[in-house]
C-alpha cells in the first residue's frame, strides 16, 4: 500500500466514523497510545479510549455537515490534508496533520481549523 492509499483510507474511515459516531469505528482509526490534538497547542486527548470518549462528548449530528478534502503532502511519517467543513450556518477551513503507524492507525492527529468569513 502506498502512503497516499494509506492516508486516503484513513481519512475515508474518519469521515465514516464522523458520520456514524460508532465507538468501534472511531477506535479503529487510532493506535492504542495515540494523541489527538483538537488545536495545535492544546493538550491532546491521549490514548484510544480517551479519544473515543472525547469524540463522542463533542460529536456532530449525522447529516449536519459536509466535508471535502484533498492531500497537500503525503509521506511515510507525516501527511497533511486540507479540507472544508460546512455546517448550516458556518464553514471552516481545515488543515490536518496525520501521523500513521505501520498498520494504518493514527498515532498523532492535529487539526487546525479556521472559520471562513
Protein backbone atom coordinates (compact mmCIF):
# COMPACT_ATOMS: atom_id res chain seq x y z
CA UNK A 1 0.00 0.00 0.00
CA UNK A 2 1.30 3.45 -0.88
CA UNK A 3 1.39 6.33 1.57
CA UNK A 4 -1.37 8.03 -0.45
CA UNK A 5 -3.57 4.92 -0.26
CA UNK A 6 -2.96 4.70 3.49
CA UNK A 7 -3.88 8.31 4.22
CA UNK A 8 -6.85 8.20 1.84
CA UNK A 9 -8.16 5.09 3.58
CA UNK A 10 -7.66 6.69 6.96
CA UNK A 11 -9.45 9.94 6.03
CA UNK A 12 -12.32 7.96 4.49
CA UNK A 13 -12.54 5.96 7.74
CA UNK A 14 -12.51 9.20 9.73
CA UNK A 15 -15.42 10.57 7.69
CA UNK A 16 -17.35 7.30 8.19
CA UNK A 17 -16.72 7.49 11.94
CA UNK A 18 -17.70 11.17 11.96
CA UNK A 19 -20.92 10.30 10.16
CA UNK A 20 -21.87 7.35 12.36
CA UNK A 21 -20.33 8.20 15.76
CA UNK A 22 -19.79 4.47 16.30
CA UNK A 23 -17.31 3.94 19.16
CA UNK A 24 -15.74 0.88 17.48
CA UNK A 25 -15.32 2.75 14.19
CA UNK A 26 -13.72 5.70 15.95
CA UNK A 27 -11.41 3.45 17.95
CA UNK A 28 -10.25 1.56 14.85
CA UNK A 29 -8.75 4.77 13.49
CA UNK A 30 -6.29 5.29 16.33
CA UNK A 31 -3.31 3.47 17.81
CA UNK A 32 -3.68 2.45 21.46
CA UNK A 33 -1.36 5.27 22.61
CA UNK A 34 -2.42 7.90 20.05
CA UNK A 35 -2.57 11.63 20.69
CA UNK A 36 -5.40 13.74 19.21
CA UNK A 37 -4.76 17.49 19.25
CA UNK A 38 -8.02 19.39 18.83
CA UNK A 39 -5.99 22.55 18.31
CA UNK A 40 -2.30 22.89 17.55
CA UNK A 41 -1.17 23.93 21.02
CA UNK A 42 -3.92 22.42 23.20
CA UNK A 43 -3.37 19.43 25.43
CA UNK A 44 -4.26 16.37 23.37
CA UNK A 45 -6.70 13.63 24.06
CA UNK A 46 -4.32 10.76 24.89
CA UNK A 47 -5.00 7.09 24.25
CA UNK A 48 -7.63 5.35 22.15
CA UNK A 49 -10.23 5.13 24.94
CA UNK A 50 -9.93 8.83 25.79
CA UNK A 51 -10.12 9.77 22.11
CA UNK A 52 -13.33 7.77 21.65
CA UNK A 53 -14.87 9.25 24.82
CA UNK A 54 -13.97 12.86 23.93
CA UNK A 55 -15.06 12.42 20.30
CA UNK A 56 -18.48 11.22 21.45
CA UNK A 57 -18.72 14.04 24.00
CA UNK A 58 -18.17 16.55 21.16
CA UNK A 59 -19.88 14.70 18.29
CA UNK A 60 -21.69 16.26 15.38
CA UNK A 61 -25.12 15.02 14.38
CA UNK A 62 -25.12 12.89 11.22
CA UNK A 63 -26.17 14.89 8.20
CA UNK A 64 -25.46 18.18 9.99
CA UNK A 65 -22.32 18.89 7.94
CA UNK A 66 -20.42 18.16 4.76
CA UNK A 67 -16.69 17.67 4.30
CA UNK A 68 -14.43 17.85 1.28
CA UNK A 69 -10.70 17.31 1.33
CA UNK A 70 -7.53 16.76 -0.63
CA UNK A 71 -3.99 15.76 0.31
CA UNK A 72 -1.45 18.59 0.45
CA UNK A 73 1.52 16.34 1.07
CA UNK A 74 1.80 12.65 1.85
CA UNK A 75 4.78 10.90 3.36
CA UNK A 76 5.73 7.85 5.37
CA UNK A 77 5.85 9.81 8.65
CA UNK A 78 3.57 12.80 8.11
CA UNK A 79 0.67 13.60 5.81
CA UNK A 80 -1.10 16.94 5.56
CA UNK A 81 -4.71 17.18 4.41
CA UNK A 82 -6.64 20.33 3.59
CA UNK A 83 -10.40 20.27 3.97
CA UNK A 84 -13.56 22.29 4.22
CA UNK A 85 -16.28 21.51 6.74
CA UNK A 86 -19.62 23.16 6.03
CA UNK A 87 -22.40 23.33 8.60
CA UNK A 88 -25.74 25.09 8.02
CA UNK A 89 -24.55 28.39 9.49
CA UNK A 90 -20.75 28.26 9.42
CA UNK A 91 -17.95 26.90 7.24
CA UNK A 92 -14.43 26.02 8.41
CA UNK A 93 -11.18 25.61 6.54
CA UNK A 94 -9.23 22.69 7.99
CA UNK A 95 -5.63 21.59 7.94
CA UNK A 96 -4.94 18.14 9.38
CA UNK A 97 -1.55 16.73 10.36
CA UNK A 98 -1.74 12.93 10.33
CA UNK A 99 0.92 10.50 11.51
CA UNK A 100 0.05 6.87 10.78
CA UNK A 101 1.71 3.78 12.18
CA UNK A 102 2.75 0.80 10.07
CA UNK A 103 -0.75 -0.75 10.17
CA UNK A 104 -2.59 2.42 9.15
CA UNK A 105 -3.77 3.60 12.55
CA UNK A 106 -3.19 7.19 13.53
CA UNK A 107 -0.61 7.70 16.24
CA UNK A 108 -0.83 11.50 16.21
CA UNK A 109 -3.52 13.76 14.78
CA UNK A 110 -3.64 17.56 14.89
CA UNK A 111 -6.45 19.64 13.46
CA UNK A 112 -6.08 23.31 12.60
CA UNK A 113 -9.39 24.96 11.76
CA UNK A 114 -10.45 28.47 10.95
CA UNK A 115 -13.88 29.90 10.38
CA UNK A 116 -14.40 31.23 6.88
CA UNK A 117 -15.82 34.74 6.77
